[in-house]
PDB file of all heavy atoms in Angstrom:
ATOM      1  N   ARG A   1       1.628  -6.516   9.868  1.00  0.00           N
ATOM      2  CA  ARG A   1       0.416  -5.767  10.223  1.00  0.00           C
ATOM      3  C   ARG A   1       0.508  -5.041  11.566  1.00  0.00           C
ATOM      4  O   ARG A   1       0.157  -3.863  11.655  1.00  0.00           O
ATOM      5  CB  ARG A   1      -0.790  -6.709  10.203  1.00  0.00           C
ATOM      6  CG  ARG A   1      -2.120  -5.960  10.067  1.00  0.00           C
ATOM      7  CD  ARG A   1      -3.306  -6.925   9.979  1.00  0.00           C
ATOM      8  NE  ARG A   1      -3.121  -7.963   8.982  1.00  0.00           N
ATOM      9  CZ  ARG A   1      -3.315  -7.803   7.673  1.00  0.00           C
ATOM     10  NH1 ARG A   1      -3.705  -6.629   7.217  1.00  0.00           N
ATOM     11  NH2 ARG A   1      -3.148  -8.801   6.827  1.00  0.00           N
ATOM     12  N   PRO A   2       1.006  -5.644  12.643  1.00  0.00           N
ATOM     13  CA  PRO A   2       1.007  -4.919  13.934  1.00  0.00           C
ATOM     14  C   PRO A   2       2.021  -3.774  14.014  1.00  0.00           C
ATOM     15  O   PRO A   2       1.941  -2.960  14.926  1.00  0.00           O
ATOM     16  CB  PRO A   2       1.357  -6.016  14.956  1.00  0.00           C
ATOM     17  CG  PRO A   2       1.213  -7.310  14.232  1.00  0.00           C
ATOM     18  CD  PRO A   2       1.479  -7.025  12.807  1.00  0.00           C
ATOM     19  N   ILE A   3       3.003  -3.735  13.100  1.00  0.00           N
ATOM     20  CA  ILE A   3       4.072  -2.747  13.242  1.00  0.00           C
ATOM     21  C   ILE A   3       4.121  -1.782  12.066  1.00  0.00           C
ATOM     22  O   ILE A   3       5.107  -1.059  11.904  1.00  0.00           O
ATOM     23  CB  ILE A   3       5.453  -3.445  13.407  1.00  0.00           C
ATOM     24  CG1 ILE A   3       5.675  -4.474  12.307  1.00  0.00           C
ATOM     25  CG2 ILE A   3       5.572  -4.073  14.783  1.00  0.00           C
ATOM     26  CD1 ILE A   3       7.063  -5.091  12.320  1.00  0.00           C
ATOM     27  N   THR A   4       3.074  -1.766  11.259  1.00  0.00           N
ATOM     28  CA  THR A   4       2.999  -0.813  10.155  1.00  0.00           C
ATOM     29  C   THR A   4       1.656  -0.102  10.172  1.00  0.00           C
ATOM     30  O   THR A   4       0.719  -0.523  10.840  1.00  0.00           O
ATOM     31  CB  THR A   4       3.146  -1.511   8.789  1.00  0.00           C
ATOM     32  OG1 THR A   4       2.089  -2.480   8.640  1.00  0.00           O
ATOM     33  CG2 THR A   4       4.485  -2.191   8.635  1.00  0.00           C
ATOM     34  N   LYS A   5       1.580   1.001   9.428  1.00  0.00           N
ATOM     35  CA  LYS A   5       0.318   1.696   9.254  1.00  0.00           C
ATOM     36  C   LYS A   5      -0.533   1.056   8.148  1.00  0.00           C
ATOM     37  O   LYS A   5      -1.750   1.234   8.115  1.00  0.00           O
ATOM     38  CB  LYS A   5       0.577   3.174   8.914  1.00  0.00           C
ATOM     39  CG  LYS A   5       1.301   3.945  10.004  1.00  0.00           C
ATOM     40  CD  LYS A   5       1.513   5.393   9.621  1.00  0.00           C
ATOM     41  CE  LYS A   5       0.214   6.192   9.666  1.00  0.00           C
ATOM     42  NZ  LYS A   5       0.422   7.625   9.366  1.00  0.00           N
ATOM     43  N   TYR A   6       0.141   0.318   7.260  1.00  0.00           N
ATOM     44  CA  TYR A   6      -0.561  -0.307   6.137  1.00  0.00           C
ATOM     45  C   TYR A   6       0.321  -1.394   5.556  1.00  0.00           C
ATOM     46  O   TYR A   6       1.529  -1.200   5.404  1.00  0.00           O
ATOM     47  CB  TYR A   6      -0.871   0.744   5.067  1.00  0.00           C
ATOM     48  CG  TYR A   6      -1.588   0.210   3.856  1.00  0.00           C
ATOM     49  CD1 TYR A   6      -2.961  -0.045   3.883  1.00  0.00           C
ATOM     50  CD2 TYR A   6      -0.917  -0.034   2.663  1.00  0.00           C
ATOM     51  CE1 TYR A   6      -3.624  -0.525   2.770  1.00  0.00           C
ATOM     52  CE2 TYR A   6      -1.566  -0.503   1.538  1.00  0.00           C
ATOM     53  CZ  TYR A   6      -2.920  -0.758   1.605  1.00  0.00           C
ATOM     54  OH  TYR A   6      -3.578  -1.229   0.490  1.00  0.00           O
ATOM     55  N   THR A   7      -0.258  -2.554   5.241  1.00  0.00           N
ATOM     56  CA  THR A   7       0.465  -3.634   4.597  1.00  0.00           C
ATOM     57  C   THR A   7      -0.456  -4.337   3.618  1.00  0.00           C
ATOM     58  O   THR A   7      -1.654  -4.506   3.887  1.00  0.00           O
ATOM     59  CB  THR A   7       1.039  -4.620   5.644  1.00  0.00           C
ATOM     60  OG1 THR A   7       1.716  -5.672   4.967  1.00  0.00           O
ATOM     61  CG2 THR A   7      -0.039  -5.187   6.533  1.00  0.00           C
ATOM     62  N   HIS A   8       0.085  -4.764   2.462  1.00  0.00           N
ATOM     63  CA  HIS A   8      -0.778  -5.287   1.407  1.00  0.00           C
ATOM     64  C   HIS A   8       0.037  -6.145   0.442  1.00  0.00           C
ATOM     65  O   HIS A   8       1.173  -5.808   0.118  1.00  0.00           O
ATOM     66  CB  HIS A   8      -1.409  -4.102   0.636  1.00  0.00           C
ATOM     67  CG  HIS A   8      -2.304  -4.509  -0.497  1.00  0.00           C
ATOM     68  ND1 HIS A   8      -3.581  -4.959  -0.310  1.00  0.00           N
ATOM     69  CD2 HIS A   8      -2.092  -4.511  -1.848  1.00  0.00           C
ATOM     70  CE1 HIS A   8      -4.137  -5.226  -1.488  1.00  0.00           C
ATOM     71  NE2 HIS A   8      -3.253  -4.959  -2.438  1.00  0.00           N
ATOM     72  N   GLN A   9      -0.561  -7.243   0.013  1.00  0.00           N
ATOM     73  CA  GLN A   9       0.046  -8.052  -1.064  1.00  0.00           C
ATOM     74  C   GLN A   9      -0.549  -7.618  -2.391  1.00  0.00           C
ATOM     75  O   GLN A   9      -1.769  -7.597  -2.576  1.00  0.00           O
ATOM     76  CB  GLN A   9      -0.230  -9.543  -0.856  1.00  0.00           C
ATOM     77  CG  GLN A   9       0.408 -10.412  -1.931  1.00  0.00           C
ATOM     78  CD  GLN A   9      -0.073 -11.866  -1.871  1.00  0.00           C
ATOM     79  OE1 GLN A   9      -1.224 -12.160  -2.201  1.00  0.00           O
ATOM     80  NE2 GLN A   9       0.814 -12.752  -1.456  1.00  0.00           N
ATOM     81  N   LEU A  10       0.310  -7.285  -3.342  1.00  0.00           N
ATOM     82  CA  LEU A  10      -0.134  -6.904  -4.674  1.00  0.00           C
ATOM     83  C   LEU A  10      -0.487  -8.173  -5.456  1.00  0.00           C
ATOM     84  O   LEU A  10       0.391  -8.984  -5.762  1.00  0.00           O
ATOM     85  CB  LEU A  10       0.952  -6.112  -5.402  1.00  0.00           C
ATOM     86  CG  LEU A  10       1.235  -4.721  -4.864  1.00  0.00           C
ATOM     87  CD1 LEU A  10       2.540  -4.177  -5.420  1.00  0.00           C
ATOM     88  CD2 LEU A  10       0.076  -3.770  -5.183  1.00  0.00           C
ATOM     89  N   ALA A  11      -1.768  -8.346  -5.768  1.00  0.00           N
ATOM     90  CA  ALA A  11      -2.214  -9.539  -6.493  1.00  0.00           C
ATOM     91  C   ALA A  11      -2.520  -9.226  -7.952  1.00  0.00           C
ATOM     92  O   ALA A  11      -2.807 -10.135  -8.731  1.00  0.00           O
ATOM     93  CB  ALA A  11      -3.458 -10.122  -5.816  1.00  0.00           C
ATOM     94  N   SER A  12      -2.464  -7.959  -8.327  1.00  0.00           N
ATOM     95  CA  SER A  12      -2.756  -7.552  -9.695  1.00  0.00           C
ATOM     96  C   SER A  12      -1.936  -6.324 -10.042  1.00  0.00           C
ATOM     97  O   SER A  12      -1.845  -5.386  -9.254  1.00  0.00           O
ATOM     98  CB  SER A  12      -4.247  -7.231  -9.854  1.00  0.00           C
ATOM     99  OG  SER A  12      -4.498  -6.552 -11.072  1.00  0.00           O
ATOM    100  N   ALA A  13      -1.359  -6.328 -11.231  1.00  0.00           N
ATOM    101  CA  ALA A  13      -0.576  -5.171 -11.678  1.00  0.00           C
ATOM    102  C   ALA A  13      -1.421  -3.912 -11.763  1.00  0.00           C
ATOM    103  O   ALA A  13      -0.922  -2.800 -11.565  1.00  0.00           O
ATOM    104  CB  ALA A  13       0.063  -5.465 -13.028  1.00  0.00           C
ATOM    105  N   ASP A  14      -2.697  -4.079 -12.069  1.00  0.00           N
ATOM    106  CA  ASP A  14      -3.583  -2.910 -12.224  1.00  0.00           C
ATOM    107  C   ASP A  14      -3.729  -2.108 -10.934  1.00  0.00           C
ATOM    108  O   ASP A  14      -4.070  -0.910 -10.958  1.00  0.00           O
ATOM    109  CB  ASP A  14      -4.976  -3.347 -12.705  1.00  0.00           C
ATOM    110  CG  ASP A  14      -4.950  -3.925 -14.111  1.00  0.00           C
ATOM    111  OD1 ASP A  14      -3.956  -3.646 -14.835  1.00  0.00           O
ATOM    112  OD2 ASP A  14      -5.884  -4.647 -14.484  1.00  0.00           O
ATOM    113  N   ASN A  15      -3.500  -2.761  -9.790  1.00  0.00           N
ATOM    114  CA  ASN A  15      -3.679  -2.097  -8.494  1.00  0.00           C
ATOM    115  C   ASN A  15      -2.431  -1.379  -7.992  1.00  0.00           C
ATOM    116  O   ASN A  15      -2.467  -0.717  -6.945  1.00  0.00           O
ATOM    117  CB  ASN A  15      -4.123  -3.105  -7.443  1.00  0.00           C
ATOM    118  CG  ASN A  15      -5.540  -3.588  -7.655  1.00  0.00           C
ATOM    119  OD1 ASN A  15      -6.348  -2.890  -8.285  1.00  0.00           O
ATOM    120  ND2 ASN A  15      -5.856  -4.768  -7.172  1.00  0.00           N
ATOM    121  N   ILE A  16      -1.326  -1.525  -8.702  1.00  0.00           N
ATOM    122  CA  ILE A  16      -0.065  -0.971  -8.225  1.00  0.00           C
ATOM    123  C   ILE A  16      -0.141   0.535  -7.975  1.00  0.00           C
ATOM    124  O   ILE A  16       0.226   1.015  -6.876  1.00  0.00           O
ATOM    125  CB  ILE A  16       1.096  -1.323  -9.178  1.00  0.00           C
ATOM    126  CG1 ILE A  16       1.413  -2.807  -9.053  1.00  0.00           C
ATOM    127  CG2 ILE A  16       2.344  -0.490  -8.860  1.00  0.00           C
ATOM    128  CD1 ILE A  16       2.412  -3.305 -10.084  1.00  0.00           C
ATOM    129  N   PRO A  17      -0.632   1.360  -8.913  1.00  0.00           N
ATOM    130  CA  PRO A  17      -0.624   2.813  -8.662  1.00  0.00           C
ATOM    131  C   PRO A  17      -1.412   3.231  -7.427  1.00  0.00           C
ATOM    132  O   PRO A  17      -0.952   4.071  -6.650  1.00  0.00           O
ATOM    133  CB  PRO A  17      -1.244   3.388  -9.938  1.00  0.00           C
ATOM    134  CG  PRO A  17      -0.946   2.379 -10.997  1.00  0.00           C
ATOM    135  CD  PRO A  17      -1.063   1.057 -10.302  1.00  0.00           C
ATOM    136  N   SER A  18      -2.598   2.650  -7.224  1.00  0.00           N
ATOM    137  CA  SER A  18      -3.397   3.054  -6.079  1.00  0.00           C
ATOM    138  C   SER A  18      -2.771   2.607  -4.767  1.00  0.00           C
ATOM    139  O   SER A  18      -2.811   3.324  -3.774  1.00  0.00           O
ATOM    140  CB  SER A  18      -4.825   2.510  -6.202  1.00  0.00           C
ATOM    141  OG  SER A  18      -4.824   1.085  -6.188  1.00  0.00           O
ATOM    142  N   ARG A  19      -2.162   1.397  -4.748  1.00  0.00           N
ATOM    143  CA  ARG A  19      -1.574   0.905  -3.499  1.00  0.00           C
ATOM    144  C   ARG A  19      -0.288   1.670  -3.167  1.00  0.00           C
ATOM    145  O   ARG A  19      -0.024   1.953  -1.994  1.00  0.00           O
ATOM    146  CB  ARG A  19      -1.278  -0.587  -3.595  1.00  0.00           C
ATOM    147  CG  ARG A  19      -2.507  -1.489  -3.751  1.00  0.00           C
ATOM    148  CD  ARG A  19      -3.554  -1.235  -2.723  1.00  0.00           C
ATOM    149  NE  ARG A  19      -4.512  -0.219  -3.167  1.00  0.00           N
ATOM    150  CZ  ARG A  19      -5.365   0.441  -2.385  1.00  0.00           C
ATOM    151  NH1 ARG A  19      -5.354   0.229  -1.091  1.00  0.00           N
ATOM    152  NH2 ARG A  19      -6.211   1.330  -2.888  1.00  0.00           N
ATOM    153  N   VAL A  20       0.505   2.019  -4.176  1.00  0.00           N
ATOM    154  CA  VAL A  20       1.715   2.806  -3.909  1.00  0.00           C
ATOM    155  C   VAL A  20       1.338   4.188  -3.384  1.00  0.00           C
ATOM    156  O   VAL A  20       1.893   4.674  -2.396  1.00  0.00           O
ATOM    157  CB  VAL A  20       2.594   2.915  -5.170  1.00  0.00           C
ATOM    158  CG1 VAL A  20       3.732   3.911  -4.962  1.00  0.00           C
ATOM    159  CG2 VAL A  20       3.159   1.546  -5.550  1.00  0.00           C
ATOM    160  N   ARG A  21       0.364   4.817  -4.031  1.00  0.00           N
ATOM    161  CA  ARG A  21      -0.082   6.145  -3.580  1.00  0.00           C
ATOM    162  C   ARG A  21      -0.612   6.084  -2.151  1.00  0.00           C
ATOM    163  O   ARG A  21      -0.345   6.964  -1.324  1.00  0.00           O
ATOM    164  CB  ARG A  21      -1.169   6.662  -4.531  1.00  0.00           C
ATOM    165  CG  ARG A  21      -1.809   8.011  -4.129  1.00  0.00           C
ATOM    166  CD  ARG A  21      -0.989   9.198  -4.584  1.00  0.00           C
ATOM    167  NE  ARG A  21       0.182   9.486  -3.785  1.00  0.00           N
ATOM    168  CZ  ARG A  21       0.185  10.232  -2.672  1.00  0.00           C
ATOM    169  NH1 ARG A  21      -0.929  10.737  -2.188  1.00  0.00           N
ATOM    170  NH2 ARG A  21       1.309  10.466  -2.039  1.00  0.00           N
ATOM    171  N   GLU A  22      -1.366   5.024  -1.845  1.00  0.00           N
ATOM    172  CA  GLU A  22      -1.911   4.882  -0.496  1.00  0.00           C
ATOM    173  C   GLU A  22      -0.797   4.707   0.536  1.00  0.00           C
ATOM    174  O   GLU A  22      -0.861   5.251   1.640  1.00  0.00           O
ATOM    175  CB  GLU A  22      -2.882   3.702  -0.447  1.00  0.00           C
ATOM    176  CG  GLU A  22      -3.587   3.500   0.888  1.00  0.00           C
ATOM    177  CD  GLU A  22      -4.612   4.558   1.217  1.00  0.00           C
ATOM    178  OE1 GLU A  22      -4.654   5.606   0.545  1.00  0.00           O
ATOM    179  OE2 GLU A  22      -5.386   4.346   2.168  1.00  0.00           O
ATOM    180  N   CYS A  23       0.240   3.953   0.176  1.00  0.00           N
ATOM    181  CA  CYS A  23       1.376   3.767   1.094  1.00  0.00           C
ATOM    182  C   CYS A  23       2.072   5.084   1.394  1.00  0.00           C
ATOM    183  O   CYS A  23       2.394   5.373   2.547  1.00  0.00           O
ATOM    184  CB  CYS A  23       2.371   2.771   0.501  1.00  0.00           C
ATOM    185  SG  CYS A  23       1.871   1.052   0.668  1.00  0.00           S
ATOM    186  N   PHE A  24       2.301   5.890   0.364  1.00  0.00           N
ATOM    187  CA  PHE A  24       2.956   7.179   0.588  1.00  0.00           C
ATOM    188  C   PHE A  24       2.065   8.110   1.399  1.00  0.00           C
ATOM    189  O   PHE A  24       2.546   8.833   2.287  1.00  0.00           O
ATOM    190  CB  PHE A  24       3.338   7.807  -0.757  1.00  0.00           C
ATOM    191  CG  PHE A  24       4.631   7.311  -1.298  1.00  0.00           C
ATOM    192  CD1 PHE A  24       4.724   6.076  -1.932  1.00  0.00           C
ATOM    193  CD2 PHE A  24       5.783   8.061  -1.158  1.00  0.00           C
ATOM    194  CE1 PHE A  24       5.923   5.604  -2.432  1.00  0.00           C
ATOM    195  CE2 PHE A  24       7.001   7.609  -1.645  1.00  0.00           C
ATOM    196  CZ  PHE A  24       7.074   6.371  -2.284  1.00  0.00           C
ATOM    197  N   ARG A  25       0.781   8.110   1.107  1.00  0.00           N
ATOM    198  CA  ARG A  25      -0.142   8.981   1.849  1.00  0.00           C
ATOM    199  C   ARG A  25      -0.140   8.649   3.318  1.00  0.00           C
ATOM    200  O   ARG A  25      -0.004   9.531   4.187  1.00  0.00           O
ATOM    201  CB  ARG A  25      -1.556   8.833   1.274  1.00  0.00           C
ATOM    202  CG  ARG A  25      -2.596   9.750   1.929  1.00  0.00           C
ATOM    203  CD  ARG A  25      -3.986   9.456   1.411  1.00  0.00           C
ATOM    204  NE  ARG A  25      -4.519   8.207   1.944  1.00  0.00           N
ATOM    205  CZ  ARG A  25      -5.098   8.076   3.140  1.00  0.00           C
ATOM    206  NH1 ARG A  25      -5.176   9.109   3.963  1.00  0.00           N
ATOM    207  NH2 ARG A  25      -5.570   6.920   3.537  1.00  0.00           N
ATOM    208  N   LEU A  26      -0.253   7.354   3.633  1.00  0.00           N
ATOM    209  CA  LEU A  26      -0.334   6.947   5.029  1.00  0.00           C
ATOM    210  C   LEU A  26       1.014   7.051   5.745  1.00  0.00           C
ATOM    211  O   LEU A  26       1.070   7.391   6.920  1.00  0.00           O
ATOM    212  CB  LEU A  26      -0.867   5.515   5.120  1.00  0.00           C
ATOM    213  CG  LEU A  26      -2.353   5.355   4.787  1.00  0.00           C
ATOM    214  CD1 LEU A  26      -2.721   3.878   4.664  1.00  0.00           C
ATOM    215  CD2 LEU A  26      -3.223   6.042   5.826  1.00  0.00           C
ATOM    216  N   ALA A  27       2.094   6.758   5.023  1.00  0.00           N
ATOM    217  CA  ALA A  27       3.414   6.844   5.641  1.00  0.00           C
ATOM    218  C   ALA A  27       3.720   8.262   6.114  1.00  0.00           C
ATOM    219  O   ALA A  27       4.311   8.465   7.170  1.00  0.00           O
ATOM    220  CB  ALA A  27       4.493   6.373   4.659  1.00  0.00           C
ATOM    221  N   GLU A  28       3.280   9.266   5.333  1.00  0.00           N
ATOM    222  CA  GLU A  28       3.626  10.651   5.623  1.00  0.00           C
ATOM    223  C   GLU A  28       2.580  11.370   6.457  1.00  0.00           C
ATOM    224  O   GLU A  28       2.849  12.416   7.047  1.00  0.00           O
ATOM    225  CB  GLU A  28       3.858  11.403   4.307  1.00  0.00           C
ATOM    226  CG  GLU A  28       5.076  10.895   3.556  1.00  0.00           C
ATOM    227  CD  GLU A  28       5.230  11.482   2.155  1.00  0.00           C
ATOM    228  OE1 GLU A  28       4.557  12.507   1.852  1.00  0.00           O
ATOM    229  OE2 GLU A  28       6.025  10.937   1.361  1.00  0.00           O
TER     230      GLU A  28
END
């Protein structure tokens, strides 16, 4: 958490697309 812009544990397969998209959006 202190060294990233976003960190998350995937607890459901249904959330994978939104969390991956969010990671790419924030990373860039």
